[in-house]
Amino acid sequence: MEGRIIVLVILALVLTEICLYINKIAGFVLYLLLIALYLLSLSQVKILNNYGKLIIILMIVPIVRVIELFITLEFFWKVVISYGVLLFLAFFYSVRFKLDHGHIKEKLGLFPFAVVVGVVLGFIGDAYFNFDKLFWLIYLIPFISYSEEILFRGMIQNLLEKNYGIVLSILISALLYGVFSLGYGVLFGVFVLLYGIIIGLIYHNSKNIFLAVTINIIIHYFIFVIA
């Protein structure tokens, strides 16, 4: 029963994000309903096991989305506030659930490999997506990338792996990461999904969040900062 609830929650999250991409008002309403669904789902969890923890962690995504839709400030402050809330909730529940993201020294010898992967993926992304270059993002990208990797790899992928195995944990966390990026277009969302799988594989084999963050940062710099 709990496994089915998780699947329904993930499907609802993906479909709501797609709806948000098509129509913001409809997506906003669905996200409010989705938060209500999460709360109802938690009422069915008698013991806060991995399934209950996963539902709570997945709730961070709609909360951040609703905050983004409510904020009318300029883009810089919208990013700071939304990702600040994301990071706060991520660390709060990480401490609450005693989750280990992989803040370790082991496997740091793979850092050059992570840099090369980031450069290759960043170069590909920059070649295919002609976004406006925002130099001031150079200060926010480490914050954005760290927040994303803590949530999608350090929390969601880790908890999914305990319940659904390695393959599904990597694929589902990458899928959620991809739909989370649909605001920049469907093709970009697919690109994010694909490099999310690569980061997920590297994270699974290293269990080192710093490698995942490094790749994410480099990709973002290539696409959004480097001319």
Foldseek 3Di string as FASTA:
>chain_A
DLVVLLVVLLVLLLVLLVVCLVPVVSSLVSLVVSLVSLVVSLVVDPDCDLSVLLSQLSNLLSVLVNQLVPDPDDPVVSLVVSLVSLQVSLVVSCVVVVFQQAQDPFPCVCQVVLLVLLQVLLVVLQVVDPDEADAVCLVVLLSNLLSLLSRLQRRQLVSCCVPPNLPCSQQSSLLSQLSSPCNSPNVSSVSSSVVSSVLNVVCVVGVHSVSSSSSSSSSCCSRHHDD
